[in-house]
Amino acid sequence: MTTHTLEQKRYFSFELLNWYTRSKRDLPWRRHRNPFYIWISEIMLQQTRVDTVIPYFNRFIARFPTIEALAEAPEEDVLKLWEGLGYYSRARNLQTAAKQVVELHGGEVPDDTQAVAALKGVGPYTTGAIMSIAFNRPEPAVDGNVMRVLSRYFLIEEDIMKGSTRAHMESLVRELIPEGRASDFNQALMELGALVCTPKSPQCLTCSVMEHCSGRLAGREETLPVKTKAKPPRLEPRSVALIEGSGANTGRLLVRQRPAKGLLARMWELPHELVGPEGYNGPVPDEPAMDHLAGHLLAEGVLARPVRFVREAEHTFSHIHWNLRVFQCEEVASPAGEAGGQSLAAEQRAGYSTDGAKPGALLALAEQEECAALPAGYRWISEADMDTLAFPKVFLDLITEYFAKQKGTLV
């Protein structure tokens, strides 16, 4: 590890705080010293831009002004307010942790590092952020912005993905925090990384600590920090069914709820299936894709006929990238008064496999005579239902677009 001089450290802390005092942004969570609000903001800001978070934060604290309110709320309400932020496990963990605080700490975020670190979903960074910002404790809060600033200023060339590098930086931050200024210092460090010492094209000429920045002096400001590249997400081609209702369901769309555990747990979505053999990520021609999608729906207990390709969409998780091809489908009417056949519950089929989907499904649908009950986990929705059900952003966008087109309001 590089040896850092006392003068360089003192200069950094002094000039950084001066800059922050003059230039800090007016952000809603900075108007409160409420540990609960600071905690919410830090969870929301993980992997999400500040400008995106602001309206979500304001709506969230308006609906859940206290820890008790969050702990007691239906999970569906929490997910709906989180809708569009992504990484929905953050919302579930936040609510679980709120329940822990109510049960163990009387509804107050404890001024205790170990107690905060023991809460669900609260890792080392979030612990440090809560303790330093809310309680002014000299705890490090080392995130990507902070690691980038420290790597450049102190010319730290070790891989920031290594635990030893993070531990070194946490120790360094403890040395840098001026007595009694932990809250402002950690926020200043994050702010510098967000606004000035940016990942690309850092604004060195306007940086308050440029004079002693070892990375700039060595011409390394563009190449630091050193970071091992993450494995790219696995590509998955998927066919999506946009199923329009008929008869009593005219004007409605068919959606399903995901399983209670796993990816996007309990959220709502348009029916979809993985297409192509394992490891295949290329396009599937429309006709075979439509036939296979019809078979998948039939195996699920849904009578619907794909009629045309609508559009493409995509959705990226940390480890998976969905390439989606959306097909408009029609509900297949069944003879009135027929007894319902035994349906296959979608939520009992892990991963929505296509077992049972066979070629010729479109023809089979035309010959279908039994009236199948709507499978468990499926329901018809109107536009008004969008106010209460939580959808991943890609499906939220597709459904919102559909209803806008039906009303003729899509620009």
Protein backbone atom coordinates (compact mmCIF):
# COMPACT_ATOMS: atom_id res chain seq x y z
CA MET A 1 0.00 0.00 0.00
CA THR A 2 1.14 3.56 -0.70
CA THR A 3 2.35 5.62 2.27
CA HIS A 4 0.38 8.85 2.71
CA THR A 5 1.88 11.93 4.36
CA LEU A 6 0.26 13.70 7.30
CA GLU A 7 0.27 16.97 5.34
CA GLN A 8 -1.57 15.36 2.43
CA LYS A 9 -4.22 13.95 4.77
CA ARG A 10 -4.77 17.22 6.64
CA TYR A 11 -5.00 19.19 3.42
CA PHE A 12 -7.55 16.76 2.03
CA SER A 13 -9.84 16.88 5.07
CA PHE A 14 -9.65 20.67 5.47
CA GLU A 15 -10.22 21.59 1.83
CA LEU A 16 -12.89 18.95 1.31
CA LEU A 17 -14.98 20.25 4.21
CA ASN A 18 -14.57 23.85 3.06
CA TRP A 19 -15.77 22.90 -0.41
CA TYR A 20 -18.73 20.96 0.95
CA THR A 21 -19.83 23.83 3.17
CA ARG A 22 -19.90 26.13 0.13
CA SER A 23 -21.23 23.75 -2.50
CA LYS A 24 -23.34 20.96 -1.00
CA ARG A 25 -26.58 20.17 -2.75
CA ASP A 26 -29.93 20.83 -1.10
CA LEU A 27 -31.22 17.26 -0.92
CA PRO A 28 -34.41 16.35 0.98
CA TRP A 29 -32.72 13.85 3.30
CA ARG A 30 -30.19 16.49 4.30
CA ARG A 31 -32.98 18.59 5.75
CA HIS A 32 -33.51 15.99 8.46
CA ARG A 33 -31.32 14.48 11.15
CA ASN A 34 -33.93 11.75 11.52
CA PRO A 35 -31.93 8.47 11.42
CA PHE A 36 -34.90 6.68 9.81
CA TYR A 37 -35.04 9.10 6.88
CA ILE A 38 -31.28 8.97 6.42
CA TRP A 39 -31.46 5.19 6.45
CA ILE A 40 -34.21 5.21 3.78
CA SER A 41 -32.22 7.55 1.56
CA GLU A 42 -29.08 5.43 1.80
CA ILE A 43 -30.94 2.26 0.84
CA MET A 44 -32.63 4.01 -2.09
CA LEU A 45 -29.36 5.55 -3.29
CA GLN A 46 -27.64 2.19 -3.65
CA GLN A 47 -27.14 1.68 -7.41
CA THR A 48 -29.57 4.52 -8.18
CA ARG A 49 -28.98 8.14 -9.23
CA VAL A 50 -29.80 10.99 -6.84
CA ASP A 51 -32.20 12.70 -9.26
CA THR A 52 -34.16 9.47 -9.59
CA VAL A 53 -34.33 8.90 -5.84
CA ILE A 54 -35.65 12.33 -4.77
CA PRO A 55 -39.34 11.86 -5.75
CA TYR A 56 -39.33 8.29 -4.45
CA PHE A 57 -37.90 9.43 -1.11
CA ASN A 58 -40.49 12.19 -0.73
CA ARG A 59 -43.38 9.85 -1.51
CA PHE A 60 -42.01 7.14 0.75
CA ILE A 61 -41.63 9.25 3.89
CA ALA A 62 -45.02 10.86 3.24
CA ARG A 63 -46.62 7.40 3.26
CA PHE A 64 -44.37 5.95 5.99
CA PRO A 65 -43.37 8.85 8.26
CA THR A 66 -42.34 6.54 11.10
CA ILE A 67 -40.65 3.19 11.48
CA GLU A 68 -43.86 1.80 12.95
CA ALA A 69 -45.81 2.87 9.86
CA LEU A 70 -43.38 1.03 7.59
CA ALA A 71 -43.26 -2.05 9.81
CA GLU A 72 -47.06 -2.36 9.89
CA ALA A 73 -47.75 -1.66 6.20
CA PRO A 74 -48.80 -4.38 3.74
CA GLU A 75 -45.80 -5.47 1.70
CA GLU A 76 -47.75 -4.70 -1.48
CA ASP A 77 -47.91 -1.03 -0.48
CA VAL A 78 -44.17 -0.92 0.15
CA LEU A 79 -43.37 -2.53 -3.20
CA LYS A 80 -45.77 -0.21 -5.03
CA LEU A 81 -43.97 2.85 -3.65
CA TRP A 82 -40.65 1.25 -4.63
CA GLU A 83 -41.90 0.43 -8.14
CA GLY A 84 -39.37 1.57 -10.74
CA LEU A 85 -36.38 1.81 -8.38
CA GLY A 86 -35.36 -1.80 -9.01
CA TYR A 87 -33.51 -4.18 -6.70
CA TYR A 88 -36.76 -4.86 -4.85
CA SER A 89 -35.07 -6.97 -2.19
CA ARG A 90 -33.89 -3.61 -0.80
CA ALA A 91 -37.51 -2.66 -0.06
CA ARG A 92 -38.32 -6.02 1.52
CA ASN A 93 -35.18 -5.94 3.65
CA LEU A 94 -35.94 -2.38 4.72
CA GLN A 95 -39.39 -3.37 5.93
CA THR A 96 -38.03 -6.46 7.69
CA ALA A 97 -35.42 -4.31 9.41
CA ALA A 98 -38.11 -1.80 10.42
CA LYS A 99 -39.95 -4.64 12.15
CA GLN A 100 -36.69 -5.56 13.93
CA VAL A 101 -36.29 -1.98 15.14
CA VAL A 102 -39.86 -1.95 16.49
CA GLU A 103 -39.42 -5.30 18.24
CA LEU A 104 -35.90 -4.82 19.58
CA HIS A 105 -35.42 -1.06 19.91
CA GLY A 106 -38.83 0.42 20.61
CA GLY A 107 -39.21 1.89 17.13
CA GLU A 108 -36.07 4.05 17.32
CA VAL A 109 -32.94 3.51 15.20
CA PRO A 110 -30.33 2.65 17.86
CA ASP A 111 -27.26 4.83 18.33
CA ASP A 112 -25.16 1.69 18.36
CA THR A 113 -22.97 0.48 15.51
CA GLN A 114 -23.32 -3.23 16.21
CA ALA A 115 -27.09 -3.00 16.63
CA VAL A 116 -27.49 -1.14 13.33
CA ALA A 117 -25.17 -3.58 11.54
CA ALA A 118 -27.36 -6.46 12.74
CA LEU A 119 -30.43 -5.14 10.90
CA LYS A 120 -31.63 -6.95 7.78
CA GLY A 121 -30.07 -5.57 4.60
CA VAL A 122 -27.71 -3.18 6.41
CA GLY A 123 -24.14 -3.84 5.33
CA PRO A 124 -20.87 -2.12 6.30
CA TYR A 125 -21.43 0.90 4.05
CA THR A 126 -25.01 1.55 5.18
CA THR A 127 -24.00 1.06 8.81
CA GLY A 128 -21.24 3.64 8.43
CA ALA A 129 -23.53 6.07 6.63
CA ILE A 130 -26.27 5.88 9.27
CA MET A 131 -23.88 6.12 12.21
CA SER A 132 -21.85 8.99 10.76
CA ILE A 133 -24.57 11.07 9.08
CA ALA A 134 -27.35 10.58 11.64
CA PHE A 135 -25.32 10.27 14.84
CA ASN A 136 -22.04 11.98 13.83
CA ARG A 137 -20.05 8.90 14.84
CA PRO A 138 -16.56 8.63 13.25
CA GLU A 139 -17.42 5.56 11.21
CA PRO A 140 -16.30 5.08 7.58
CA ALA A 141 -18.92 4.85 4.83
CA VAL A 142 -16.98 3.52 1.85
CA ASP A 143 -18.96 3.15 -1.38
CA GLY A 144 -17.96 3.33 -5.04
CA ASN A 145 -17.72 7.13 -5.07
CA VAL A 146 -15.52 7.13 -1.99
CA MET A 147 -13.22 4.39 -3.29
CA ARG A 148 -12.76 6.28 -6.55
CA VAL A 149 -11.83 9.53 -4.77
CA LEU A 150 -9.41 7.82 -2.39
CA SER A 151 -7.84 5.72 -5.16
CA ARG A 152 -7.06 8.85 -7.17
CA TYR A 153 -6.10 11.26 -4.43
CA PHE A 154 -3.82 8.81 -2.59
CA LEU A 155 -2.76 6.87 -5.71
CA ILE A 156 -4.04 3.55 -4.40
CA GLU A 157 -3.44 1.05 -7.19
CA GLU A 158 -4.82 -2.08 -5.53
CA ASP A 159 -8.01 -3.63 -6.92
CA ILE A 160 -10.99 -2.03 -5.15
CA MET A 161 -12.94 -5.27 -5.52
CA LYS A 162 -10.63 -6.93 -3.01
CA GLY A 163 -11.64 -6.99 0.63
CA SER A 164 -8.14 -5.98 1.70
CA THR A 165 -8.35 -2.78 -0.36
CA ARG A 166 -11.71 -1.85 1.12
CA ALA A 167 -10.38 -2.52 4.63
CA HIS A 168 -7.41 -0.25 3.91
CA MET A 169 -9.72 2.51 2.70
CA GLU A 170 -11.99 2.19 5.73
CA SER A 171 -8.96 2.55 7.98
CA LEU A 172 -7.82 5.56 5.95
CA VAL A 173 -11.21 7.27 6.28
CA ARG A 174 -11.09 6.84 10.05
CA GLU A 175 -7.82 8.77 10.02
CA LEU A 176 -9.20 11.48 7.76
CA ILE A 177 -12.41 12.28 9.67
CA PRO A 178 -11.86 15.50 11.69
CA GLU A 179 -13.05 15.32 15.27
CA GLY A 180 -16.75 16.13 15.54
CA ARG A 181 -17.24 16.40 11.75
CA ALA A 182 -18.02 12.82 10.74
CA SER A 183 -21.46 13.64 9.31
CA ASP A 184 -20.26 16.45 7.04
CA PHE A 185 -17.00 14.72 6.12
CA ASN A 186 -18.54 11.48 4.88
CA GLN A 187 -21.20 13.35 2.93
CA ALA A 188 -18.51 15.61 1.46
CA LEU A 189 -16.50 12.60 0.35
CA MET A 190 -19.53 11.07 -1.36
CA GLU A 191 -20.44 14.43 -2.91
CA LEU A 192 -16.99 14.95 -4.39
CA GLY A 193 -17.15 11.53 -6.06
CA ALA A 194 -20.64 12.17 -7.39
CA LEU A 195 -20.08 15.67 -8.79
CA VAL A 196 -16.39 16.26 -9.42
CA CYS A 197 -14.26 13.11 -9.23
CA THR A 198 -16.56 11.29 -11.62
CA PRO A 199 -15.90 7.87 -13.23
CA LYS A 200 -15.20 9.42 -16.63
CA SER A 201 -13.69 12.83 -17.39
CA PRO A 202 -13.10 13.91 -13.77
CA GLN A 203 -13.32 17.70 -13.29
CA CYS A 204 -9.80 18.05 -11.89
CA LEU A 205 -9.45 21.78 -12.58
CA THR A 206 -12.43 22.56 -10.35
CA CYS A 207 -11.54 20.06 -7.63
CA SER A 208 -10.89 21.55 -4.22
CA VAL A 209 -8.15 19.00 -3.41
CA MET A 210 -6.38 18.85 -6.78
CA GLU A 211 -3.14 20.43 -5.52
CA HIS A 212 -2.08 17.34 -3.57
CA CYS A 213 -3.90 14.69 -5.62
CA SER A 214 -1.28 12.01 -6.26
CA GLY A 215 -3.31 10.40 -9.04
CA ARG A 216 -3.55 13.66 -10.99
CA LEU A 217 0.13 14.44 -10.47
CA ALA A 218 1.01 10.98 -11.79
CA GLY A 219 -1.36 11.32 -14.75
CA ARG A 220 -3.49 8.42 -13.47
CA GLU A 221 -6.78 10.21 -12.82
CA GLU A 222 -8.39 8.58 -15.87
CA THR A 223 -7.17 5.03 -15.12
CA LEU A 224 -7.92 4.81 -11.41
CA PRO A 225 -9.46 3.09 -9.58
CA VAL A 226 -8.26 -0.37 -10.52
CA LYS A 227 -11.32 -2.61 -10.61
CA THR A 228 -11.80 -6.19 -11.74
CA LYS A 229 -14.50 -6.34 -14.37
CA ALA A 230 -17.65 -8.08 -13.25
CA LYS A 231 -18.92 -11.08 -15.19
CA PRO A 232 -21.45 -9.86 -17.78
CA PRO A 233 -25.08 -10.82 -17.14
CA ARG A 234 -26.40 -13.97 -18.78
CA LEU A 235 -28.54 -13.22 -21.84
CA GLU A 236 -32.01 -14.72 -21.90
CA PRO A 237 -34.42 -14.40 -24.86
CA ARG A 238 -38.02 -14.38 -23.65
CA SER A 239 -41.42 -14.24 -25.30
CA VAL A 240 -43.99 -12.04 -23.55
CA ALA A 241 -47.76 -12.43 -23.85
CA LEU A 242 -49.84 -9.23 -23.95
CA ILE A 243 -53.21 -10.98 -23.55
CA GLU A 244 -56.29 -8.87 -24.26
CA GLY A 245 -59.54 -9.87 -22.63
CA SER A 246 -62.87 -10.38 -24.38
CA GLY A 247 -66.48 -10.42 -23.25
CA ALA A 248 -66.61 -9.52 -19.57
CA ASN A 249 -62.84 -8.96 -19.67
CA THR A 250 -62.86 -6.52 -22.58
CA GLY A 251 -60.41 -3.68 -21.97
CA ARG A 252 -58.40 -5.72 -19.48
CA LEU A 253 -55.01 -7.45 -19.60
CA LEU A 254 -54.03 -10.78 -18.08
CA VAL A 255 -51.17 -10.64 -15.58
CA ARG A 256 -49.66 -13.06 -13.10
CA GLN A 257 -47.94 -12.81 -9.75
CA ARG A 258 -44.43 -14.17 -9.36
CA PRO A 259 -43.59 -16.82 -6.75
CA ALA A 260 -43.28 -15.84 -3.09
CA LYS A 261 -39.51 -16.33 -3.14
CA GLY A 262 -36.74 -15.63 -5.62
CA LEU A 263 -36.26 -13.01 -8.30
CA LEU A 264 -38.86 -10.20 -8.15
CA ALA A 265 -40.78 -12.16 -5.51
CA ARG A 266 -44.54 -11.53 -5.37
CA MET A 267 -44.42 -8.79 -7.98
CA TRP A 268 -46.82 -8.79 -10.94
CA GLU A 269 -45.86 -9.27 -14.58
CA LEU A 270 -47.08 -10.10 -18.05
CA PRO A 271 -46.86 -13.85 -18.72
CA HIS A 272 -43.57 -14.74 -20.40
CA GLU A 273 -41.33 -17.71 -21.07
CA LEU A 274 -37.69 -18.45 -21.82
CA VAL A 275 -37.30 -19.47 -25.47
CA GLY A 276 -34.62 -21.48 -27.24
CA PRO A 277 -32.32 -24.16 -25.81
CA GLU A 278 -30.21 -23.50 -22.73
CA GLY A 279 -27.39 -21.09 -23.55
CA TYR A 280 -29.11 -19.77 -26.68
CA ASN A 281 -29.61 -16.01 -26.75
CA GLY A 282 -30.49 -15.22 -30.35
CA PRO A 283 -33.89 -14.27 -31.82
CA VAL A 284 -36.56 -16.88 -32.49
CA PRO A 285 -38.67 -16.37 -35.66
CA ASP A 286 -42.14 -15.04 -34.99
CA GLU A 287 -44.21 -18.07 -36.00
CA PRO A 288 -42.29 -20.68 -33.94
CA ALA A 289 -42.08 -18.23 -31.04
CA MET A 290 -45.84 -17.60 -31.13
CA ASP A 291 -46.63 -21.29 -31.37
CA HIS A 292 -44.34 -22.11 -28.44
CA LEU A 293 -45.76 -19.23 -26.39
CA ALA A 294 -49.29 -20.51 -27.00
CA GLY A 295 -48.19 -23.93 -25.82
CA HIS A 296 -46.60 -22.46 -22.71
CA LEU A 297 -49.79 -20.58 -21.87
CA LEU A 298 -51.89 -23.68 -22.50
CA ALA A 299 -49.67 -25.70 -20.16
CA GLU A 300 -50.22 -23.01 -17.55
CA GLY A 301 -53.98 -23.31 -17.97
CA VAL A 302 -54.40 -20.08 -19.96
CA LEU A 303 -56.39 -20.10 -23.21
CA ALA A 304 -54.86 -17.39 -25.39
CA ARG A 305 -53.80 -17.11 -29.02
CA PRO A 306 -50.74 -15.00 -30.03
CA VAL A 307 -51.69 -13.01 -33.11
CA ARG A 308 -48.83 -10.63 -33.88
CA PHE A 309 -45.45 -9.33 -32.79
CA VAL A 310 -45.72 -5.94 -31.04
CA ARG A 311 -42.29 -4.75 -29.99
CA GLU A 312 -39.02 -5.57 -28.29
CA ALA A 313 -37.99 -4.62 -24.76
CA GLU A 314 -35.23 -5.47 -22.34
CA HIS A 315 -34.60 -5.67 -18.62
CA THR A 316 -31.26 -6.08 -16.88
CA PHE A 317 -30.60 -7.59 -13.47
CA SER A 318 -27.18 -7.91 -11.89
CA HIS A 319 -26.76 -11.42 -13.32
CA ILE A 320 -29.38 -11.75 -16.09
CA HIS A 321 -30.33 -9.66 -19.11
CA TRP A 322 -33.78 -10.34 -20.53
CA ASN A 323 -34.22 -9.76 -24.27
CA LEU A 324 -38.00 -9.59 -24.54
CA ARG A 325 -40.16 -9.96 -27.63
CA VAL A 326 -43.76 -8.96 -26.94
CA PHE A 327 -46.67 -10.63 -28.74
CA GLN A 328 -50.24 -9.41 -28.69
CA CYS A 329 -52.57 -12.26 -27.78
CA GLU A 330 -56.32 -12.80 -27.79
CA GLU A 331 -58.26 -14.52 -25.06
CA VAL A 332 -59.76 -17.70 -26.50
CA ALA A 333 -63.45 -17.91 -25.63
CA SER A 334 -64.79 -21.23 -24.38
CA PRO A 335 -68.35 -22.47 -24.69
CA ALA A 336 -70.49 -21.02 -21.93
CA GLY A 337 -71.64 -23.37 -19.23
CA GLU A 338 -68.90 -25.98 -19.74
CA ALA A 339 -67.36 -27.42 -16.60
CA GLY A 340 -63.95 -26.09 -15.79
CA GLY A 341 -61.03 -28.41 -16.39
CA GLN A 342 -58.23 -28.86 -13.92
CA SER A 343 -55.80 -25.94 -14.33
CA LEU A 344 -52.08 -25.82 -13.75
CA ALA A 345 -51.15 -23.20 -11.13
CA ALA A 346 -48.50 -20.92 -12.58
CA GLU A 347 -46.99 -20.07 -9.23
CA GLN A 348 -46.19 -23.74 -8.58
CA ARG A 349 -44.04 -23.98 -11.70
CA ALA A 350 -40.55 -22.86 -10.70
CA GLY A 351 -38.95 -20.66 -13.31
CA TYR A 352 -42.05 -20.90 -15.53
CA SER A 353 -40.70 -23.91 -17.40
CA THR A 354 -42.27 -24.90 -20.70
CA ASP A 355 -42.85 -28.59 -19.85
CA GLY A 356 -45.99 -29.59 -21.60
CA ALA A 357 -45.68 -27.01 -24.37
CA LYS A 358 -45.83 -28.89 -27.67
CA PRO A 359 -45.69 -27.92 -31.37
CA GLY A 360 -49.04 -27.20 -32.93
CA ALA A 361 -50.38 -25.39 -29.86
CA LEU A 362 -52.11 -22.75 -31.98
CA LEU A 363 -54.06 -25.50 -33.74
CA ALA A 364 -54.79 -27.20 -30.41
CA LEU A 365 -56.29 -23.97 -29.09
CA ALA A 366 -58.70 -23.83 -31.99
CA GLU A 367 -59.91 -27.30 -31.05
CA GLN A 368 -60.08 -26.60 -27.31
CA GLU A 369 -63.57 -27.29 -25.96
CA GLU A 370 -63.19 -27.35 -22.19
CA CYS A 371 -63.48 -24.15 -20.20
CA ALA A 372 -60.36 -23.88 -18.02
CA ALA A 373 -60.52 -21.84 -14.83
CA LEU A 374 -58.07 -18.95 -14.54
CA PRO A 375 -54.92 -20.43 -12.97
CA ALA A 376 -53.87 -19.48 -9.46
CA GLY A 377 -51.69 -16.39 -9.48
CA TYR A 378 -53.33 -14.96 -12.62
CA ARG A 379 -55.87 -12.12 -12.79
CA TRP A 380 -57.38 -9.67 -15.24
CA ILE A 381 -56.52 -6.03 -14.60
CA SER A 382 -57.82 -2.67 -15.73
CA GLU A 383 -55.81 0.52 -15.86
CA ALA A 384 -57.13 1.43 -12.39
CA ASP A 385 -55.50 -1.69 -10.92
CA MET A 386 -52.10 -0.25 -11.81
CA ASP A 387 -52.47 2.05 -8.80
CA THR A 388 -52.25 -0.84 -6.36
CA LEU A 389 -50.23 -3.63 -7.99
CA ALA A 390 -46.42 -3.45 -8.14
CA PHE A 391 -44.71 -4.33 -11.43
CA PRO A 392 -41.04 -4.45 -12.47
CA LYS A 393 -40.33 -1.39 -14.60
CA VAL A 394 -40.21 -3.18 -17.95
CA PHE A 395 -43.72 -4.60 -17.47
CA LEU A 396 -44.98 -1.37 -15.94
CA ASP A 397 -43.85 0.46 -19.09
CA LEU A 398 -45.38 -2.11 -21.45
CA ILE A 399 -48.74 -2.13 -19.67
CA THR A 400 -48.85 1.66 -19.31
CA GLU A 401 -48.10 1.95 -23.02
CA TYR A 402 -50.89 -0.51 -23.85
CA PHE A 403 -53.56 1.36 -21.89
CA ALA A 404 -52.39 4.69 -23.31
CA LYS A 405 -52.80 3.31 -26.83
CA GLN A 406 -56.30 2.08 -26.00
CA LYS A 407 -57.26 5.59 -24.88
CA GLY A 408 -55.46 7.22 -27.81
CA THR A 409 -53.26 9.26 -25.46
CA LEU A 410 -49.88 7.81 -26.40
CA VAL A 411 -47.66 10.52 -27.88
